Amino acid sequence: MEKETKSIFASPWLQLIFGVICMVMIANYQYGWTLFVGPLDAKYHWGRASIQVAFTIFVLFETWLVPVEGYLVDRFGPRWVVVVGGVLCGIAWAINSVADSLPMLYFAAAVAGLGAGAVYGTCIGNAVKWFPGRRGLAAGLTAAGFGAGSALTIIPIANMIKSAGYEQTFLTFGLVQGAVVVVLGFFLFTPPLSILALAPKLSPGAGRHQATPVEMVKSPLFWLMYLMFVLMAAGGLMATAQLAPIAKDFKIADIPVSLVGLTLPALTFALTIDRVLNGLCRPFFGWVSDHIGRENTMFIAFAIEGIGIFALAKLGTDPVLFVLLSGLVFFAWGEIYSLFPATVTDTFGAKFATTNTGLMYTAKGTASLLVPLANVMMASTGSWYAVFITAASMNILAALLAIVVLKPMRAGYISRTAAADLAAGGPIPGGPIPGGPIPGRPIAGPAGARRT
């Protein structure tokens, strides 16, 4: 059970910073994996396809078990879930350092997925709880740690693989990253009742109903958002995950491109700005959504993504436009990891936010199962055009659903649940939750009390 405790670290911004650092520490488990595929294949000759099965296993375990981990957070607090997650992350890469068979590699991927999912789901859920009036920004900054965190370590990892071998790199970075997560996990806290119950300033379109996970999954509104998440995640991955082979097929991968004083091969340039823009877009669009509303922001970002992918299909054979348009595509894609957690919490409440946002996050795993369709379409048509058009269409459909269907549907749900809660003696929209603190009246208990 959660209990009240005093701590100077139990403040919104410190909790956010700790969460962001934890996300940076687990970013390499997804974004740094590609650096190890070649060395593994060179040593054991398992084949790249067989080795990449480990990545699929990682994504599935990282996403589909987050609701279970979220339940533990909502029940017992974030501390031990993150601590255990950090331990699992360290163990996973330690296993990778000695793995001499595919089953062993796959087992390590499952362990890494469990650990990374525990950290990811906890930090996102904790962020939206601590910032009821700025959930988009909080979720965006936290997700940015995961999206852009590997940018700090990609070069050191690549250099260490060359100098000391991939085995030592797995072991060293695994233990260091896991240790940092474990240490910071001990300083994570659940928000005090004054934040969870009162929430005096909510984002545009937010409600105060506290839906249980079971209640949420029974709502058609949840499944509409789930569909939109899958459309955006799969559509973006179809284009972005295939960037290297696309650049090579366009015959522009190694053509030098000069922008903002830098000259790099087109593919290298595109992959470099991916790390930066994929991280920046998450807090940016999260902040925008805090001010103009979730659905309006979704429409803008999703439409930009669709148009960017379509333009990449038409103009991507030019190396400069390939770099610029791929940057636009990356910038308009990563925001799904801030907008959807914020929207879920706005709609279904903060009480079970970690579990509820975790359930939504499973859409990433579902979307990953659709990504291989890109290779099927490429093989059957002989070009990437069908892949681009399909991905762009999925994004445009998600944009239209956001403004035409989700916006009125969510407003109706919030209105109905507010009326039902009021009739049942529940929270008055804009007012305190029964049993929670009353505005202007001191909260009972020790000053500075926080729940761990």
Protein backbone atom coordinates (compact mmCIF):
# COMPACT_ATOMS: atom_id res chain seq x y z
CA MET A 1 0.00 0.00 0.00
CA GLU A 2 1.08 3.57 -0.60
CA LYS A 3 1.93 5.67 2.42
CA GLU A 4 2.61 9.31 3.11
CA THR A 5 6.23 10.38 3.47
CA LYS A 6 8.24 13.59 3.48
CA SER A 7 10.89 14.18 0.85
CA ILE A 8 12.53 17.22 -0.69
CA PHE A 9 12.56 15.27 -3.96
CA ALA A 10 8.75 14.97 -4.08
CA SER A 11 8.20 18.03 -6.26
CA PRO A 12 6.76 18.09 -9.79
CA TRP A 13 9.84 19.32 -11.65
CA LEU A 14 12.30 17.06 -9.82
CA GLN A 15 10.03 14.08 -10.46
CA LEU A 16 9.88 15.05 -14.13
CA ILE A 17 13.67 15.37 -14.37
CA PHE A 18 14.21 11.98 -12.72
CA GLY A 19 11.70 10.43 -15.11
CA VAL A 20 13.38 11.96 -18.16
CA ILE A 21 16.80 10.68 -17.07
CA CYS A 22 15.38 7.19 -16.57
CA MET A 23 13.95 7.33 -20.08
CA VAL A 24 17.32 8.40 -21.50
CA MET A 25 18.89 5.38 -19.80
CA ILE A 26 16.53 2.90 -21.52
CA ALA A 27 16.53 4.59 -24.96
CA ASN A 28 19.41 2.46 -26.26
CA TYR A 29 17.42 -0.72 -25.75
CA GLN A 30 15.35 0.33 -28.76
CA TYR A 31 17.31 2.98 -30.66
CA GLY A 32 20.83 1.64 -30.06
CA TRP A 33 20.05 -1.98 -30.92
CA THR A 34 20.81 -1.54 -34.61
CA LEU A 35 24.51 -1.00 -33.80
CA PHE A 36 24.81 -4.54 -32.42
CA VAL A 37 23.08 -6.43 -35.23
CA GLY A 38 26.07 -6.42 -37.60
CA PRO A 39 28.65 -7.52 -35.00
CA LEU A 40 26.36 -10.30 -33.74
CA ASP A 41 25.86 -11.59 -37.27
CA ALA A 42 29.56 -11.34 -38.06
CA LYS A 43 30.41 -13.54 -35.07
CA TYR A 44 27.65 -16.16 -35.17
CA HIS A 45 26.26 -15.91 -38.75
CA TRP A 46 22.69 -16.24 -37.52
CA GLY A 47 21.39 -13.93 -40.24
CA ARG A 48 20.09 -10.41 -39.76
CA ALA A 49 16.46 -11.49 -40.02
CA SER A 50 16.86 -14.01 -37.19
CA ILE A 51 18.71 -11.50 -35.02
CA GLN A 52 16.03 -8.86 -35.62
CA VAL A 53 13.43 -11.24 -34.19
CA ALA A 54 14.95 -10.26 -30.85
CA PHE A 55 13.99 -6.65 -31.53
CA THR A 56 10.38 -7.66 -32.26
CA ILE A 57 10.30 -9.65 -29.01
CA PHE A 58 11.64 -6.62 -27.16
CA VAL A 59 8.94 -4.32 -28.57
CA LEU A 60 6.14 -6.77 -27.77
CA PHE A 61 7.27 -7.31 -24.18
CA GLU A 62 7.96 -3.60 -23.75
CA THR A 63 4.45 -2.62 -24.80
CA TRP A 64 1.95 -5.37 -24.11
CA LEU A 65 2.87 -5.88 -20.45
CA VAL A 66 2.88 -2.18 -19.55
CA PRO A 67 -0.77 -2.33 -18.31
CA VAL A 68 0.23 -4.95 -15.73
CA GLU A 69 3.20 -2.86 -14.65
CA GLY A 70 0.94 0.20 -14.62
CA TYR A 71 -1.48 -1.56 -12.27
CA LEU A 72 1.40 -2.22 -9.87
CA VAL A 73 2.36 1.47 -10.01
CA ASP A 74 -1.20 2.64 -9.35
CA ARG A 75 -1.43 0.13 -6.50
CA PHE A 76 1.98 0.42 -4.83
CA GLY A 77 3.64 3.53 -6.28
CA PRO A 78 6.38 4.02 -8.88
CA ARG A 79 9.49 3.36 -6.81
CA TRP A 80 9.86 -0.42 -6.83
CA VAL A 81 8.48 -0.88 -10.33
CA VAL A 82 11.24 1.35 -11.72
CA VAL A 83 13.90 -0.19 -9.48
CA VAL A 84 13.01 -3.70 -10.66
CA GLY A 85 12.83 -2.42 -14.23
CA GLY A 86 16.36 -1.03 -13.95
CA VAL A 87 17.64 -4.34 -12.59
CA LEU A 88 16.03 -6.23 -15.48
CA CYS A 89 17.50 -3.82 -18.03
CA GLY A 90 20.99 -4.32 -16.63
CA ILE A 91 20.60 -8.10 -16.54
CA ALA A 92 19.30 -8.18 -20.13
CA TRP A 93 22.34 -6.56 -21.72
CA ALA A 94 24.63 -8.58 -19.46
CA ILE A 95 23.01 -11.70 -20.92
CA ASN A 96 23.45 -10.28 -24.42
CA SER A 97 27.17 -9.95 -23.75
CA VAL A 98 27.50 -13.74 -23.35
CA ALA A 99 24.59 -14.96 -25.52
CA ASP A 100 25.86 -17.66 -27.88
CA SER A 101 22.52 -18.90 -29.20
CA LEU A 102 19.38 -17.33 -30.63
CA PRO A 103 17.13 -18.64 -27.80
CA MET A 104 19.43 -16.95 -25.30
CA LEU A 105 19.34 -13.72 -27.30
CA TYR A 106 15.54 -13.89 -27.48
CA PHE A 107 15.29 -14.50 -23.73
CA ALA A 108 17.44 -11.43 -23.09
CA ALA A 109 15.19 -9.41 -25.40
CA ALA A 110 12.14 -10.46 -23.38
CA VAL A 111 13.87 -9.48 -20.12
CA ALA A 112 14.89 -6.13 -21.62
CA GLY A 113 11.33 -5.54 -22.81
CA LEU A 114 9.95 -6.22 -19.35
CA GLY A 115 12.44 -3.85 -17.76
CA ALA A 116 12.16 -1.04 -20.31
CA GLY A 117 8.36 -1.28 -20.32
CA ALA A 118 8.27 -0.99 -16.54
CA VAL A 119 10.40 2.15 -16.65
CA TYR A 120 8.66 3.70 -19.66
CA GLY A 121 5.09 3.14 -18.48
CA THR A 122 5.86 4.28 -14.94
CA CYS A 123 7.63 7.49 -15.93
CA ILE A 124 4.93 8.53 -18.43
CA GLY A 125 2.13 7.73 -15.98
CA ASN A 126 3.86 9.54 -13.14
CA ALA A 127 4.48 12.62 -15.29
CA VAL A 128 0.83 13.12 -16.27
CA LYS A 129 -0.19 12.71 -12.62
CA TRP A 130 2.23 15.36 -11.36
CA PHE A 131 1.20 17.93 -14.02
CA PRO A 132 -2.62 17.92 -14.29
CA GLY A 133 -2.67 21.26 -16.10
CA ARG A 134 0.28 20.53 -18.41
CA ARG A 135 -0.04 16.85 -19.15
CA GLY A 136 0.92 17.25 -22.79
CA LEU A 137 4.17 19.03 -21.95
CA ALA A 138 5.00 16.63 -19.11
CA ALA A 139 4.35 13.51 -21.19
CA GLY A 140 6.20 15.08 -24.11
CA LEU A 141 9.33 15.92 -22.13
CA THR A 142 9.36 12.45 -20.59
CA ALA A 143 8.83 10.72 -23.94
CA ALA A 144 11.54 12.93 -25.45
CA GLY A 145 14.03 11.30 -23.11
CA PHE A 146 13.24 7.99 -24.80
CA GLY A 147 13.02 9.38 -28.33
CA ALA A 148 16.19 11.45 -28.28
CA GLY A 149 18.10 9.92 -25.37
CA SER A 150 20.19 7.62 -27.52
CA ALA A 151 21.63 10.63 -29.38
CA LEU A 152 24.02 11.12 -26.45
CA THR A 153 25.36 7.57 -26.50
CA ILE A 154 25.17 6.36 -30.12
CA ILE A 155 28.71 7.54 -30.91
CA PRO A 156 30.27 6.23 -27.64
CA ILE A 157 28.57 2.86 -28.17
CA ALA A 158 29.73 2.66 -31.79
CA ASN A 159 33.28 3.59 -30.79
CA MET A 160 33.37 1.07 -27.95
CA ILE A 161 32.10 -1.71 -30.22
CA LYS A 162 35.02 -0.99 -32.56
CA SER A 163 37.63 -0.75 -29.81
CA ALA A 164 36.49 -3.31 -27.22
CA GLY A 165 33.94 -5.49 -29.01
CA TYR A 166 30.18 -5.65 -28.79
CA GLU A 167 30.30 -8.02 -25.79
CA GLN A 168 32.10 -5.55 -23.53
CA THR A 169 29.86 -2.76 -24.83
CA PHE A 170 26.70 -4.67 -23.95
CA LEU A 171 28.02 -5.40 -20.46
CA THR A 172 29.35 -1.92 -19.68
CA PHE A 173 26.42 0.11 -20.97
CA GLY A 174 23.89 -2.39 -19.62
CA LEU A 175 25.25 -2.21 -16.08
CA VAL A 176 25.70 1.58 -16.12
CA GLN A 177 22.26 2.31 -17.60
CA GLY A 178 20.56 -0.16 -15.28
CA ALA A 179 22.36 1.23 -12.22
CA VAL A 180 21.30 4.82 -12.97
CA VAL A 181 17.67 3.73 -13.31
CA VAL A 182 17.82 1.78 -10.04
CA VAL A 183 19.27 4.73 -8.12
CA LEU A 184 16.77 7.25 -9.50
CA GLY A 185 13.92 4.82 -8.94
CA PHE A 186 14.34 5.24 -5.19
CA PHE A 187 13.58 8.96 -5.58
CA LEU A 188 10.30 8.60 -7.50
CA PHE A 189 7.05 9.37 -5.68
CA THR A 190 3.33 9.39 -6.36
CA PRO A 191 1.86 12.93 -6.25
CA PRO A 192 0.24 14.05 -2.98
CA LEU A 193 -3.53 14.05 -2.60
CA SER A 194 -3.58 17.82 -3.11
CA ILE A 195 -2.59 17.29 -6.75
CA LEU A 196 -4.46 14.06 -7.46
CA ALA A 197 -7.71 15.23 -5.88
CA LEU A 198 -7.88 18.95 -6.50
CA ALA A 199 -6.26 19.40 -9.93
CA PRO A 200 -7.22 23.11 -9.96
CA LYS A 201 -6.10 23.78 -13.52
CA LEU A 202 -6.84 21.27 -16.26
CA SER A 203 -6.01 21.37 -19.94
CA PRO A 204 -8.67 22.35 -22.52
CA GLY A 205 -11.21 19.56 -22.90
CA ALA A 206 -10.14 17.66 -19.78
CA GLY A 207 -12.61 16.03 -17.42
CA ARG A 208 -12.48 14.93 -13.79
CA HIS A 209 -14.05 11.49 -13.99
CA GLN A 210 -11.75 8.76 -12.63
CA ALA A 211 -12.39 5.73 -14.85
CA THR A 212 -11.07 2.32 -13.87
CA PRO A 213 -9.15 0.37 -16.52
CA VAL A 214 -12.11 -1.99 -16.96
CA GLU A 215 -14.47 0.94 -17.43
CA MET A 216 -12.10 2.50 -19.93
CA VAL A 217 -11.72 -0.56 -22.16
CA LYS A 218 -15.51 -0.89 -22.27
CA SER A 219 -15.76 2.59 -23.76
CA PRO A 220 -15.87 2.92 -27.58
CA LEU A 221 -13.91 6.13 -27.08
CA PHE A 222 -10.88 4.16 -25.92
CA TRP A 223 -10.96 1.91 -28.98
CA LEU A 224 -11.26 4.90 -31.29
CA MET A 225 -8.10 6.37 -29.76
CA TYR A 226 -6.46 2.94 -29.94
CA LEU A 227 -7.23 2.70 -33.65
CA MET A 228 -5.82 6.18 -34.24
CA PHE A 229 -2.65 5.30 -32.33
CA VAL A 230 -2.19 2.13 -34.42
CA LEU A 231 -2.76 4.05 -37.66
CA MET A 232 -0.19 6.69 -36.72
CA ALA A 233 2.39 4.31 -35.27
CA ALA A 234 2.19 1.82 -38.15
CA GLY A 235 1.98 4.50 -40.82
CA GLY A 236 4.99 6.34 -39.45
CA LEU A 237 7.02 3.17 -38.89
CA MET A 238 6.35 1.95 -42.42
CA ALA A 239 8.09 5.04 -43.75
CA THR A 240 10.67 5.79 -41.05
CA ALA A 241 11.77 2.23 -40.23
CA GLN A 242 12.65 1.65 -43.88
CA LEU A 243 14.59 4.89 -44.33
CA ALA A 244 17.96 3.25 -45.03
CA PRO A 245 16.78 0.86 -47.78
CA ILE A 246 14.62 3.64 -49.25
CA ALA A 247 17.62 5.98 -49.49
CA LYS A 248 19.68 3.25 -51.13
CA ASP A 249 16.93 2.42 -53.62
CA PHE A 250 16.61 6.13 -54.42
CA LYS A 251 20.39 6.06 -55.02
CA ILE A 252 20.98 9.10 -52.82
CA ALA A 253 22.22 7.46 -49.59
CA ASP A 254 25.87 8.46 -50.03
CA ILE A 255 25.41 11.77 -51.86
CA PRO A 256 26.82 14.64 -49.74
CA VAL A 257 24.26 17.16 -48.48
CA SER A 258 25.22 20.56 -47.05
CA LEU A 259 22.80 22.23 -44.64
CA VAL A 260 23.30 24.70 -41.76
CA GLY A 261 27.06 24.51 -42.14
CA LEU A 262 27.22 20.71 -42.04
CA THR A 263 28.05 18.34 -44.88
CA LEU A 264 27.09 14.69 -44.47
CA PRO A 265 25.91 11.85 -46.70
CA ALA A 266 22.15 12.16 -47.24
CA LEU A 267 21.25 9.04 -45.26
CA THR A 268 23.57 9.90 -42.36
CA PHE A 269 22.14 13.42 -42.27
CA ALA A 270 18.57 12.10 -42.25
CA LEU A 271 19.27 9.58 -39.48
CA THR A 272 21.03 12.24 -37.40
CA ILE A 273 18.16 14.71 -37.46
CA ASP A 274 15.80 11.82 -36.71
CA ARG A 275 17.18 11.54 -33.18
CA VAL A 276 16.89 15.28 -32.58
CA LEU A 277 13.51 16.04 -34.16
CA ASN A 278 11.92 12.82 -32.90
CA GLY A 279 12.71 14.04 -29.40
CA LEU A 280 11.89 17.73 -29.84
CA CYS A 281 8.46 17.12 -31.33
CA ARG A 282 7.18 15.34 -28.23
CA PRO A 283 7.34 18.23 -25.75
CA PHE A 284 6.59 20.76 -28.51
CA PHE A 285 3.30 19.25 -29.63
CA GLY A 286 2.50 18.32 -26.03
CA TRP A 287 2.89 21.98 -25.06
CA VAL A 288 0.79 23.08 -28.04
CA SER A 289 -1.97 20.64 -27.09
CA ASP A 290 -2.05 22.04 -23.55
CA HIS A 291 -3.08 25.37 -25.09
CA ILE A 292 -5.23 24.59 -28.16
CA GLY A 293 -6.59 21.17 -27.22
CA ARG A 294 -5.57 17.58 -27.92
CA GLU A 295 -7.70 16.91 -31.01
CA ASN A 296 -6.78 20.17 -32.73
CA THR A 297 -3.10 19.39 -32.21
CA MET A 298 -3.58 15.82 -33.43
CA PHE A 299 -5.22 17.08 -36.62
CA ILE A 300 -2.35 19.46 -37.34
CA ALA A 301 0.47 17.02 -36.52
CA PHE A 302 -1.10 13.97 -38.18
CA ALA A 303 -1.90 15.95 -41.33
CA ILE A 304 1.68 17.27 -41.51
CA GLU A 305 2.92 13.70 -41.18
CA GLY A 306 0.68 12.46 -43.99
CA ILE A 307 1.61 15.33 -46.31
CA GLY A 308 5.30 14.89 -45.47
CA ILE A 309 5.26 11.19 -46.33
CA PHE A 310 3.42 11.87 -49.60
CA ALA A 311 5.95 14.59 -50.50
CA LEU A 312 8.80 12.21 -49.66
CA ALA A 313 7.37 9.71 -52.14
CA LYS A 314 7.23 12.35 -54.88
CA LEU A 315 10.38 14.36 -54.18
CA GLY A 316 12.62 12.07 -52.12
CA THR A 317 14.94 11.26 -55.01
CA ASP A 318 16.52 14.69 -54.52
CA PRO A 319 19.09 14.28 -51.70
CA VAL A 320 18.47 17.69 -50.11
CA LEU A 321 14.70 17.25 -50.19
CA PHE A 322 15.12 13.71 -48.87
CA VAL A 323 16.88 15.07 -45.77
CA LEU A 324 14.44 17.95 -45.25
CA LEU A 325 11.28 15.93 -45.83
CA SER A 326 12.44 13.00 -43.73
CA GLY A 327 13.10 15.52 -40.96
CA LEU A 328 9.55 16.82 -41.32
CA VAL A 329 8.19 13.28 -41.19
CA PHE A 330 10.14 12.48 -38.03
CA PHE A 331 9.08 15.75 -36.41
CA ALA A 332 5.39 15.10 -37.03
CA TRP A 333 5.46 11.46 -35.93
CA GLY A 334 6.97 11.16 -32.45
CA GLU A 335 4.30 13.35 -30.83
CA ILE A 336 1.93 10.38 -30.60
CA TYR A 337 3.89 9.33 -27.52
CA SER A 338 2.94 12.55 -25.74
CA LEU A 339 -0.51 13.34 -27.17
CA PHE A 340 -2.15 9.98 -26.51
CA PRO A 341 -1.05 9.60 -22.84
CA ALA A 342 -2.21 13.17 -22.18
CA THR A 343 -5.54 12.57 -23.94
CA VAL A 344 -6.16 9.32 -22.10
CA THR A 345 -5.50 10.98 -18.73
CA ASP A 346 -7.61 14.02 -19.61
CA THR A 347 -10.49 11.75 -20.55
CA PHE A 348 -10.33 8.91 -18.06
CA GLY A 349 -8.71 10.62 -15.06
CA ALA A 350 -5.40 10.53 -13.20
CA LYS A 351 -6.25 7.98 -10.51
CA PHE A 352 -5.47 4.99 -12.74
CA ALA A 353 -3.39 6.94 -15.25
CA THR A 354 -0.41 4.58 -15.30
CA THR A 355 -2.55 1.53 -16.04
CA ASN A 356 -4.78 3.36 -18.52
CA THR A 357 -1.93 4.95 -20.47
CA GLY A 358 -0.20 1.58 -20.41
CA LEU A 359 -3.20 -0.04 -22.06
CA MET A 360 -3.07 2.62 -24.77
CA TYR A 361 0.67 2.07 -25.20
CA THR A 362 0.03 -1.54 -26.26
CA ALA A 363 -1.06 -0.02 -29.58
CA LYS A 364 2.64 0.43 -30.35
CA GLY A 365 3.11 -3.33 -30.15
CA THR A 366 0.04 -3.90 -32.30
CA ALA A 367 1.36 -1.43 -34.87
CA SER A 368 4.75 -3.14 -34.98
CA LEU A 369 3.05 -6.29 -36.27
CA LEU A 370 1.81 -4.33 -39.30
CA VAL A 371 5.19 -2.86 -40.24
CA PRO A 372 6.40 -5.97 -42.17
CA LEU A 373 3.59 -5.23 -44.64
CA ALA A 374 5.88 -2.53 -46.01
CA ASN A 375 8.34 -5.16 -47.19
CA VAL A 376 5.50 -7.24 -48.65
CA MET A 377 4.21 -4.26 -50.63
CA MET A 378 7.71 -3.40 -51.78
CA ALA A 379 8.33 -6.96 -52.96
CA SER A 380 5.00 -7.20 -54.79
CA THR A 381 5.10 -3.79 -56.50
CA GLY A 382 8.83 -3.32 -56.99
CA SER A 383 8.85 0.20 -55.56
CA TRP A 384 8.32 2.10 -52.33
CA TYR A 385 5.53 4.23 -53.75
CA ALA A 386 2.72 1.96 -52.50
CA VAL A 387 4.30 1.94 -49.04
CA PHE A 388 4.43 5.74 -48.95
CA ILE A 389 0.86 6.15 -50.16
CA THR A 390 -0.45 3.60 -47.65
CA ALA A 391 1.43 5.25 -44.78
CA ALA A 392 0.31 8.74 -45.82
CA SER A 393 -3.30 7.58 -46.11
CA MET A 394 -3.21 6.07 -42.62
CA ASN A 395 -1.96 9.37 -41.20
CA ILE A 396 -4.55 11.47 -43.04
CA LEU A 397 -7.30 9.12 -41.84
CA ALA A 398 -6.09 9.51 -38.24
CA ALA A 399 -6.05 13.30 -38.65
CA LEU A 400 -9.65 13.34 -39.89
CA LEU A 401 -10.78 10.98 -37.13
CA ALA A 402 -9.25 13.31 -34.53
CA ILE A 403 -11.23 16.37 -35.54
CA VAL A 404 -14.41 14.84 -36.99
CA VAL A 405 -15.03 11.89 -34.65
CA LEU A 406 -12.81 12.00 -31.57
CA LYS A 407 -13.39 15.65 -30.64
CA PRO A 408 -17.22 15.53 -30.38
CA MET A 409 -17.18 11.98 -29.04
CA ARG A 410 -14.78 12.85 -26.22
CA ALA A 411 -16.68 16.04 -25.35
CA GLY A 412 -19.87 14.01 -25.07
CA TYR A 413 -18.21 11.40 -22.88
CA ILE A 414 -16.79 14.01 -20.49
CA SER A 415 -20.15 15.77 -20.28
CA ARG A 416 -22.03 12.52 -19.57
CA THR A 417 -19.59 11.27 -16.94
CA ALA A 418 -19.53 14.68 -15.23
CA ALA A 419 -23.32 14.69 -15.01
CA ALA A 420 -23.39 11.11 -13.74
CA ASP A 421 -20.71 11.82 -11.12
CA LEU A 422 -22.59 14.92 -9.97
CA ALA A 423 -25.85 13.00 -9.68
CA ALA A 424 -24.07 10.32 -7.67
CA GLY A 425 -22.47 12.88 -5.37
CA GLY A 426 -19.14 12.74 -7.22
CA PRO A 427 -16.86 15.58 -8.28
CA ILE A 428 -18.31 18.80 -9.64
CA PRO A 429 -16.61 19.76 -12.90
CA GLY A 430 -14.06 22.41 -12.04
CA GLY A 431 -14.31 21.69 -8.32
CA PRO A 432 -12.64 19.41 -5.82
CA ILE A 433 -13.17 15.67 -5.70
CA PRO A 434 -15.21 14.51 -2.69
CA GLY A 435 -12.90 13.33 0.01
CA GLY A 436 -10.12 15.47 -1.39
CA PRO A 437 -8.85 18.82 -0.17
CA ILE A 438 -11.09 21.87 -0.22
CA PRO A 439 -9.72 25.01 -1.89
CA GLY A 440 -8.45 27.50 0.67
CA ARG A 441 -8.43 24.95 3.47
CA PRO A 442 -5.16 23.40 4.72
CA ILE A 443 -4.63 19.74 3.91
CA ALA A 444 -4.64 17.53 6.98
CA GLY A 445 -1.47 15.72 7.86
CA PRO A 446 2.19 16.63 8.08
CA ALA A 447 3.32 19.50 5.90
CA GLY A 448 5.05 18.44 2.73
CA ALA A 449 3.62 14.93 2.95
CA ARG A 450 3.99 12.87 -0.21
CA ARG A 451 2.92 9.42 -1.20
CA THR A 452 5.66 7.01 -2.19
